[in-house]
Amino acid sequence: MAMAPPSVRVLARYCSHNDTGRPMAQRSVALKNIADGDIFHGRPPKGTASFICLALQVRERTIFARRITTQSVHEFDRTTGVEVDSNPVVINSVAPLPADIREILLGLDRKYREAEYRRAEDPDWRLPEDEAKLTKDEIRALLFVGKFYEENPI
């Protein structure tokens, strides 16, 4: 018997029901409402990694997003919220962040993205230690989103 692709198995296991009691239709609507520039959260089914993502491009069937803390780019199915990958991340919250937290996260994304550009130009370049350290606001924002997204699932 042929096995379903990983994204279908993940969807069946994690998205066929909603632990919050909300109808699955709400999940589909929430995913369809993601727009370029939105920040959302996901987790892989196995593991505790937190994926705070910035939507880069939203197409009819696909969401391309960059993970803020690592700058890795991920492709999500826009209908299911499941990443197109062998160990997929599943979008678990699209709750809008407070403006101050959103701005801090966008600044963190900018800092890490600029560091990626510099390393592409000069592979030996390293982010200066004083810039590499998280600021108090960046720490506050990262701690906030961990709890916030957990409390506001789709």
N, C-alpha and C. Protein backbone atom coordinates (compact mmCIF):
# COMPACT_ATOMS: atom_id res chain seq x y z
N MET A 1 0.84 -1.18 0.00
CA MET A 1 0.00 0.00 0.00
C MET A 1 0.89 1.25 0.00
N ALA A 2 0.65 2.16 -0.92
CA ALA A 2 1.46 3.37 -1.03
C ALA A 2 1.15 4.31 0.12
N MET A 3 2.21 4.93 0.64
CA MET A 3 2.04 5.90 1.72
C MET A 3 1.80 7.29 1.16
N ALA A 4 0.98 8.05 1.85
CA ALA A 4 0.74 9.43 1.45
C ALA A 4 2.02 10.24 1.67
N PRO A 5 2.22 11.31 0.89
CA PRO A 5 3.39 12.16 1.10
C PRO A 5 3.39 12.73 2.52
N PRO A 6 4.58 13.11 3.02
CA PRO A 6 4.68 13.61 4.41
C PRO A 6 3.71 14.73 4.72
N SER A 7 3.53 15.68 3.80
CA SER A 7 2.66 16.82 4.10
C SER A 7 1.22 16.37 4.31
N VAL A 8 0.77 15.34 3.59
CA VAL A 8 -0.59 14.84 3.75
C VAL A 8 -0.71 14.10 5.08
N ARG A 9 0.31 13.31 5.45
CA ARG A 9 0.27 12.61 6.73
C ARG A 9 0.26 13.60 7.89
N VAL A 10 1.07 14.65 7.80
CA VAL A 10 1.10 15.67 8.85
C VAL A 10 -0.24 16.36 8.94
N LEU A 11 -0.80 16.70 7.80
CA LEU A 11 -2.10 17.36 7.79
C LEU A 11 -3.14 16.48 8.44
N ALA A 12 -3.17 15.21 8.09
CA ALA A 12 -4.16 14.30 8.65
C ALA A 12 -4.00 14.18 10.16
N ARG A 13 -2.77 14.15 10.63
CA ARG A 13 -2.52 13.95 12.06
C ARG A 13 -2.75 15.23 12.86
N TYR A 14 -2.32 16.37 12.32
CA TYR A 14 -2.33 17.60 13.11
C TYR A 14 -3.42 18.59 12.73
N CYS A 15 -4.02 18.41 11.57
CA CYS A 15 -4.96 19.42 11.10
C CYS A 15 -6.35 18.88 10.84
N SER A 16 -6.57 17.60 11.00
CA SER A 16 -7.90 17.06 10.71
C SER A 16 -8.87 17.38 11.84
N HIS A 17 -8.32 17.75 12.97
CA HIS A 17 -9.14 18.20 14.08
C HIS A 17 -8.48 19.43 14.67
N ASN A 18 -9.20 20.13 15.49
CA ASN A 18 -8.66 21.34 16.06
C ASN A 18 -8.83 21.26 17.57
N ASP A 19 -7.71 21.19 18.29
CA ASP A 19 -7.75 21.03 19.74
C ASP A 19 -8.41 22.20 20.46
N THR A 20 -8.55 23.34 19.78
CA THR A 20 -9.15 24.51 20.43
C THR A 20 -10.67 24.47 20.34
N GLY A 21 -11.21 23.50 19.60
CA GLY A 21 -12.66 23.43 19.44
C GLY A 21 -13.18 24.30 18.31
N ARG A 22 -12.28 25.02 17.64
CA ARG A 22 -12.70 25.87 16.52
C ARG A 22 -12.90 25.01 15.28
N PRO A 23 -13.89 25.33 14.47
CA PRO A 23 -14.08 24.58 13.22
C PRO A 23 -12.87 24.71 12.30
N MET A 24 -12.57 23.65 11.56
CA MET A 24 -11.43 23.67 10.65
C MET A 24 -11.59 24.74 9.59
N ALA A 25 -12.81 25.13 9.27
CA ALA A 25 -13.02 26.19 8.29
C ALA A 25 -12.32 27.47 8.74
N GLN A 26 -12.30 27.71 10.05
CA GLN A 26 -11.62 28.90 10.56
C GLN A 26 -10.12 28.83 10.27
N ARG A 27 -9.54 27.64 10.35
CA ARG A 27 -8.12 27.47 10.04
C ARG A 27 -7.87 27.84 8.59
N SER A 28 -8.68 27.33 7.69
CA SER A 28 -8.52 27.62 6.26
C SER A 28 -8.64 29.12 6.00
N VAL A 29 -9.59 29.75 6.62
CA VAL A 29 -9.78 31.19 6.43
C VAL A 29 -8.57 31.95 6.96
N ALA A 30 -8.10 31.55 8.14
CA ALA A 30 -6.93 32.22 8.74
C ALA A 30 -5.71 32.10 7.84
N LEU A 31 -5.50 30.92 7.27
CA LEU A 31 -4.36 30.71 6.37
C LEU A 31 -4.53 31.52 5.09
N LYS A 32 -5.73 31.57 4.55
CA LYS A 32 -5.98 32.33 3.32
C LYS A 32 -5.81 33.83 3.54
N ASN A 33 -5.94 34.28 4.79
CA ASN A 33 -5.81 35.71 5.09
C ASN A 33 -4.37 36.16 5.30
N ILE A 34 -3.41 35.23 5.32
CA ILE A 34 -2.02 35.62 5.45
C ILE A 34 -1.63 36.43 4.21
N ALA A 35 -0.97 37.55 4.43
CA ALA A 35 -0.56 38.44 3.34
C ALA A 35 0.94 38.72 3.44
N ASP A 36 1.50 39.22 2.35
CA ASP A 36 2.91 39.61 2.35
C ASP A 36 3.17 40.54 3.54
N GLY A 37 4.24 40.27 4.27
CA GLY A 37 4.61 41.12 5.40
C GLY A 37 4.04 40.68 6.73
N ASP A 38 3.12 39.71 6.72
CA ASP A 38 2.57 39.22 7.99
C ASP A 38 3.59 38.35 8.71
N ILE A 39 3.50 38.34 10.02
CA ILE A 39 4.33 37.47 10.84
C ILE A 39 3.41 36.39 11.40
N PHE A 40 3.86 35.14 11.30
CA PHE A 40 3.09 34.03 11.85
C PHE A 40 4.03 33.04 12.51
N HIS A 41 3.46 32.02 13.13
CA HIS A 41 4.26 31.06 13.89
C HIS A 41 3.96 29.63 13.45
N GLY A 42 4.99 28.78 13.50
CA GLY A 42 4.81 27.38 13.20
C GLY A 42 5.76 26.53 14.03
N ARG A 43 5.48 25.24 14.03
CA ARG A 43 6.33 24.26 14.71
C ARG A 43 6.38 22.99 13.88
N PRO A 44 7.52 22.28 13.94
CA PRO A 44 7.54 20.96 13.30
C PRO A 44 6.78 19.98 14.19
N PRO A 45 6.17 18.96 13.60
CA PRO A 45 5.41 17.99 14.41
C PRO A 45 6.27 17.28 15.45
N LYS A 46 7.53 17.02 15.09
CA LYS A 46 8.44 16.38 16.03
C LYS A 46 9.46 17.41 16.46
N GLY A 47 9.43 17.79 17.70
CA GLY A 47 10.39 18.77 18.18
C GLY A 47 9.71 19.99 18.76
N THR A 48 10.52 20.85 19.33
CA THR A 48 9.98 22.02 20.01
C THR A 48 10.45 23.33 19.38
N ALA A 49 11.11 23.24 18.23
CA ALA A 49 11.62 24.46 17.59
C ALA A 49 10.48 25.42 17.30
N SER A 50 10.76 26.68 17.50
CA SER A 50 9.79 27.74 17.25
C SER A 50 10.16 28.44 15.94
N PHE A 51 9.22 28.53 15.02
CA PHE A 51 9.46 29.18 13.74
C PHE A 51 8.63 30.46 13.67
N ILE A 52 9.29 31.58 13.94
CA ILE A 52 8.64 32.89 13.79
C ILE A 52 8.95 33.31 12.36
N CYS A 53 7.92 33.39 11.55
CA CYS A 53 8.10 33.58 10.10
C CYS A 53 7.51 34.89 9.61
N LEU A 54 8.18 35.46 8.62
CA LEU A 54 7.71 36.65 7.94
C LEU A 54 7.30 36.24 6.53
N ALA A 55 6.05 36.47 6.19
CA ALA A 55 5.56 36.11 4.85
C ALA A 55 6.23 37.02 3.82
N LEU A 56 6.94 36.41 2.89
CA LEU A 56 7.64 37.15 1.85
C LEU A 56 6.80 37.30 0.59
N GLN A 57 6.11 36.22 0.25
CA GLN A 57 5.30 36.21 -0.97
C GLN A 57 4.16 35.23 -0.78
N VAL A 58 2.95 35.69 -1.05
CA VAL A 58 1.78 34.84 -0.92
C VAL A 58 1.16 34.69 -2.30
N ARG A 59 1.07 33.43 -2.73
CA ARG A 59 0.46 33.10 -4.02
C ARG A 59 -0.86 32.37 -3.75
N GLU A 60 -1.53 32.01 -4.80
CA GLU A 60 -2.82 31.35 -4.65
C GLU A 60 -2.73 30.09 -3.80
N ARG A 61 -1.70 29.28 -4.01
CA ARG A 61 -1.59 28.00 -3.31
C ARG A 61 -0.40 27.90 -2.36
N THR A 62 0.45 28.92 -2.33
CA THR A 62 1.70 28.81 -1.60
C THR A 62 2.01 30.09 -0.81
N ILE A 63 2.61 29.88 0.36
CA ILE A 63 3.14 30.99 1.17
C ILE A 63 4.65 30.77 1.26
N PHE A 64 5.43 31.74 0.82
CA PHE A 64 6.87 31.71 0.99
C PHE A 64 7.19 32.62 2.16
N ALA A 65 7.92 32.09 3.13
CA ALA A 65 8.21 32.86 4.33
C ALA A 65 9.65 32.65 4.77
N ARG A 66 10.19 33.66 5.45
CA ARG A 66 11.54 33.59 5.99
C ARG A 66 11.44 33.48 7.51
N ARG A 67 12.16 32.53 8.06
CA ARG A 67 12.24 32.39 9.51
C ARG A 67 13.13 33.52 10.02
N ILE A 68 12.60 34.34 10.89
CA ILE A 68 13.29 35.54 11.33
C ILE A 68 14.64 35.24 11.98
N THR A 69 14.68 34.24 12.84
CA THR A 69 15.90 34.02 13.62
C THR A 69 17.02 33.32 12.86
N THR A 70 16.71 32.61 11.78
CA THR A 70 17.76 31.91 11.03
C THR A 70 17.88 32.37 9.59
N GLN A 71 16.90 33.10 9.11
CA GLN A 71 16.84 33.59 7.73
C GLN A 71 16.60 32.48 6.71
N SER A 72 16.27 31.27 7.16
CA SER A 72 15.95 30.19 6.22
C SER A 72 14.58 30.48 5.60
N VAL A 73 14.43 30.10 4.34
CA VAL A 73 13.18 30.34 3.62
C VAL A 73 12.40 29.03 3.55
N HIS A 74 11.09 29.14 3.78
CA HIS A 74 10.21 27.97 3.84
C HIS A 74 9.01 28.18 2.93
N GLU A 75 8.55 27.08 2.35
CA GLU A 75 7.40 27.10 1.45
C GLU A 75 6.26 26.33 2.11
N PHE A 76 5.12 26.99 2.30
CA PHE A 76 3.96 26.39 2.95
C PHE A 76 2.81 26.26 1.97
N ASP A 77 2.07 25.17 2.10
CA ASP A 77 0.82 25.02 1.36
C ASP A 77 -0.18 26.00 1.99
N ARG A 78 -0.78 26.85 1.18
CA ARG A 78 -1.65 27.90 1.70
C ARG A 78 -3.00 27.36 2.19
N THR A 79 -3.38 26.19 1.75
CA THR A 79 -4.64 25.60 2.19
C THR A 79 -4.50 24.88 3.51
N THR A 80 -3.36 24.18 3.69
CA THR A 80 -3.18 23.36 4.89
C THR A 80 -2.30 24.01 5.95
N GLY A 81 -1.41 24.91 5.54
CA GLY A 81 -0.46 25.50 6.48
C GLY A 81 0.71 24.59 6.78
N VAL A 82 0.87 23.54 5.99
CA VAL A 82 1.94 22.58 6.19
C VAL A 82 3.07 22.88 5.20
N GLU A 83 4.30 22.91 5.71
CA GLU A 83 5.46 23.18 4.86
C GLU A 83 5.67 22.04 3.87
N VAL A 84 6.12 22.41 2.69
CA VAL A 84 6.47 21.43 1.66
C VAL A 84 7.90 20.99 1.94
N ASP A 85 8.05 19.92 2.77
CA ASP A 85 9.36 19.45 3.20
C ASP A 85 9.19 18.07 3.81
N SER A 86 10.30 17.35 3.98
CA SER A 86 10.22 16.01 4.55
C SER A 86 9.97 16.02 6.07
N ASN A 87 10.38 17.08 6.75
CA ASN A 87 10.07 17.27 8.18
C ASN A 87 9.38 18.61 8.30
N PRO A 88 8.12 18.66 7.88
CA PRO A 88 7.45 19.95 7.70
C PRO A 88 7.11 20.69 8.98
N VAL A 89 7.18 21.99 8.87
CA VAL A 89 6.70 22.90 9.90
C VAL A 89 5.21 23.09 9.62
N VAL A 90 4.40 23.16 10.68
CA VAL A 90 2.97 23.38 10.54
C VAL A 90 2.65 24.75 11.14
N ILE A 91 2.02 25.61 10.36
CA ILE A 91 1.61 26.92 10.87
C ILE A 91 0.58 26.68 11.97
N ASN A 92 0.85 27.21 13.16
CA ASN A 92 -0.06 26.99 14.27
C ASN A 92 -0.66 28.28 14.85
N SER A 93 -0.21 29.44 14.38
CA SER A 93 -0.81 30.70 14.83
C SER A 93 -0.54 31.80 13.82
N VAL A 94 -1.56 32.58 13.57
CA VAL A 94 -1.43 33.74 12.69
C VAL A 94 -1.92 35.00 13.40
N ALA A 95 -2.03 34.90 14.73
CA ALA A 95 -2.54 36.02 15.52
C ALA A 95 -1.68 37.26 15.32
N PRO A 96 -2.32 38.40 15.06
CA PRO A 96 -1.54 39.64 14.88
C PRO A 96 -0.86 40.05 16.19
N LEU A 97 0.38 40.44 16.06
CA LEU A 97 1.18 40.85 17.21
C LEU A 97 0.90 42.30 17.58
N PRO A 98 1.13 42.66 18.84
CA PRO A 98 1.08 44.08 19.20
C PRO A 98 2.13 44.83 18.37
N ALA A 99 1.85 46.08 18.05
CA ALA A 99 2.70 46.87 17.15
C ALA A 99 4.15 46.93 17.62
N ASP A 100 4.39 47.11 18.91
CA ASP A 100 5.77 47.23 19.38
C ASP A 100 6.54 45.92 19.20
N ILE A 101 5.90 44.79 19.45
CA ILE A 101 6.55 43.49 19.28
C ILE A 101 6.81 43.24 17.81
N ARG A 102 5.85 43.55 16.97
CA ARG A 102 6.02 43.38 15.52
C ARG A 102 7.22 44.18 15.02
N GLU A 103 7.34 45.43 15.45
CA GLU A 103 8.45 46.29 15.01
C GLU A 103 9.80 45.76 15.49
N ILE A 104 9.83 45.25 16.70
CA ILE A 104 11.08 44.68 17.22
C ILE A 104 11.48 43.47 16.39
N LEU A 105 10.52 42.60 16.07
CA LEU A 105 10.82 41.41 15.27
C LEU A 105 11.24 41.78 13.85
N LEU A 106 10.63 42.80 13.27
CA LEU A 106 11.05 43.25 11.94
C LEU A 106 12.48 43.80 11.99
N GLY A 107 12.82 44.47 13.08
CA GLY A 107 14.20 44.96 13.25
C GLY A 107 15.19 43.81 13.39
N LEU A 108 14.79 42.77 14.10
CA LEU A 108 15.64 41.59 14.26
C LEU A 108 15.83 40.90 12.91
N ASP A 109 14.75 40.80 12.14
CA ASP A 109 14.84 40.22 10.80
C ASP A 109 15.80 41.02 9.93
N ARG A 110 15.70 42.33 10.00
CA ARG A 110 16.57 43.21 9.21
C ARG A 110 18.04 43.03 9.61
N LYS A 111 18.30 42.96 10.92
CA LYS A 111 19.67 42.78 11.42
C LYS A 111 20.26 41.47 10.89
N TYR A 112 19.51 40.39 11.01
CA TYR A 112 20.02 39.09 10.55
C TYR A 112 20.13 39.01 9.03
N ARG A 113 19.20 39.65 8.32
CA ARG A 113 19.25 39.65 6.85
C ARG A 113 20.47 40.43 6.36
N GLU A 114 20.73 41.58 6.97
CA GLU A 114 21.91 42.36 6.59
C GLU A 114 23.19 41.58 6.86
N ALA A 115 23.20 40.82 7.96
CA ALA A 115 24.38 39.99 8.26
C ALA A 115 24.55 38.91 7.19
N GLU A 116 23.46 38.33 6.71
CA GLU A 116 23.52 37.33 5.63
C GLU A 116 24.10 37.95 4.36
N TYR A 117 23.68 39.16 4.03
CA TYR A 117 24.20 39.85 2.83
C TYR A 117 25.70 40.08 2.97
N ARG A 118 26.12 40.53 4.16
CA ARG A 118 27.55 40.80 4.38
C ARG A 118 28.38 39.52 4.24
N ARG A 119 27.86 38.41 4.81
CA ARG A 119 28.57 37.13 4.71
C ARG A 119 28.62 36.63 3.27
N ALA A 120 27.60 36.93 2.48
CA ALA A 120 27.60 36.53 1.07
C ALA A 120 28.70 37.28 0.32
N GLU A 121 28.94 38.54 0.68
CA GLU A 121 29.98 39.34 0.04
C GLU A 121 31.37 38.94 0.54
N ASP A 122 31.45 38.59 1.81
CA ASP A 122 32.73 38.23 2.43
C ASP A 122 32.50 37.08 3.40
N PRO A 123 32.75 35.84 2.99
CA PRO A 123 32.47 34.67 3.83
C PRO A 123 33.17 34.70 5.20
N ASP A 124 34.24 35.48 5.33
CA ASP A 124 34.94 35.56 6.61
C ASP A 124 34.36 36.62 7.54
N TRP A 125 33.41 37.42 7.04
CA TRP A 125 32.83 38.49 7.85
C TRP A 125 31.98 37.90 8.97
N ARG A 126 32.07 38.48 10.14
CA ARG A 126 31.26 38.06 11.28
C ARG A 126 30.58 39.30 11.86
N LEU A 127 29.36 39.09 12.31
CA LEU A 127 28.62 40.16 12.98
C LEU A 127 29.39 40.56 14.24
N PRO A 128 29.69 41.85 14.40
CA PRO A 128 30.42 42.27 15.59
C PRO A 128 29.69 41.83 16.87
N GLU A 129 30.45 41.43 17.85
CA GLU A 129 29.88 40.87 19.07
C GLU A 129 28.84 41.78 19.71
N ASP A 130 29.11 43.08 19.73
CA ASP A 130 28.16 43.99 20.36
C ASP A 130 26.84 44.06 19.59
N GLU A 131 26.87 43.81 18.28
CA GLU A 131 25.64 43.80 17.48
C GLU A 131 24.97 42.44 17.50
N ALA A 132 25.75 41.39 17.74
CA ALA A 132 25.20 40.03 17.74
C ALA A 132 24.35 39.76 18.98
N LYS A 133 24.67 40.40 20.07
CA LYS A 133 23.92 40.19 21.30
C LYS A 133 22.51 40.75 21.15
N LEU A 134 21.55 40.00 21.68
CA LEU A 134 20.17 40.48 21.65
C LEU A 134 20.01 41.65 22.62
N THR A 135 19.25 42.64 22.20
CA THR A 135 18.94 43.76 23.09
C THR A 135 17.86 43.32 24.07
N LYS A 136 17.63 44.13 25.08
CA LYS A 136 16.57 43.83 26.05
C LYS A 136 15.22 43.76 25.35
N ASP A 137 14.97 44.65 24.41
CA ASP A 137 13.70 44.61 23.67
C ASP A 137 13.58 43.37 22.80
N GLU A 138 14.67 42.95 22.17
CA GLU A 138 14.62 41.73 21.35
C GLU A 138 14.33 40.50 22.22
N ILE A 139 14.96 40.44 23.38
CA ILE A 139 14.69 39.35 24.31
C ILE A 139 13.23 39.39 24.75
N ARG A 140 12.75 40.57 25.07
CA ARG A 140 11.34 40.74 25.49
C ARG A 140 10.39 40.26 24.40
N ALA A 141 10.69 40.63 23.15
CA ALA A 141 9.82 40.25 22.04
C ALA A 141 9.83 38.73 21.83
N LEU A 142 10.99 38.12 21.87
CA LEU A 142 11.08 36.66 21.67
C LEU A 142 10.38 35.90 22.79
N LEU A 143 10.52 36.36 24.01
CA LEU A 143 9.82 35.72 25.12
C LEU A 143 8.31 35.91 24.99
N PHE A 144 7.90 37.09 24.56
CA PHE A 144 6.48 37.38 24.39
C PHE A 144 5.84 36.46 23.35
N VAL A 145 6.48 36.31 22.18
CA VAL A 145 5.84 35.53 21.11
C VAL A 145 5.70 34.06 21.49
N GLY A 146 6.63 33.52 22.27
CA GLY A 146 6.52 32.13 22.67
C GLY A 146 5.20 31.86 23.37
N LYS A 147 4.88 32.69 24.31
CA LYS A 147 3.63 32.52 25.07
C LYS A 147 2.42 32.98 24.26
N PHE A 148 2.56 34.08 23.56
CA PHE A 148 1.44 34.67 22.80
C PHE A 148 0.91 33.70 21.74
N TYR A 149 1.81 33.14 20.94
CA TYR A 149 1.36 32.24 19.88
C TYR A 149 0.77 30.95 20.45
N GLU A 150 1.31 30.50 21.56
CA GLU A 150 0.76 29.29 22.21
C GLU A 150 -0.66 29.55 22.68
N GLU A 151 -0.92 30.76 23.15
CA GLU A 151 -2.25 31.11 23.66
C GLU A 151 -3.23 31.51 22.56
N ASN A 152 -2.74 31.68 21.33
CA ASN A 152 -3.59 32.13 20.22
C ASN A 152 -3.42 31.23 18.99
N PRO A 153 -3.78 29.94 19.13
CA PRO A 153 -3.63 29.03 17.99
C PRO A 153 -4.73 29.21 16.96
N ILE A 154 -4.48 28.65 15.77
CA ILE A 154 -5.58 28.60 14.79
C ILE A 154 -6.12 27.19 14.77
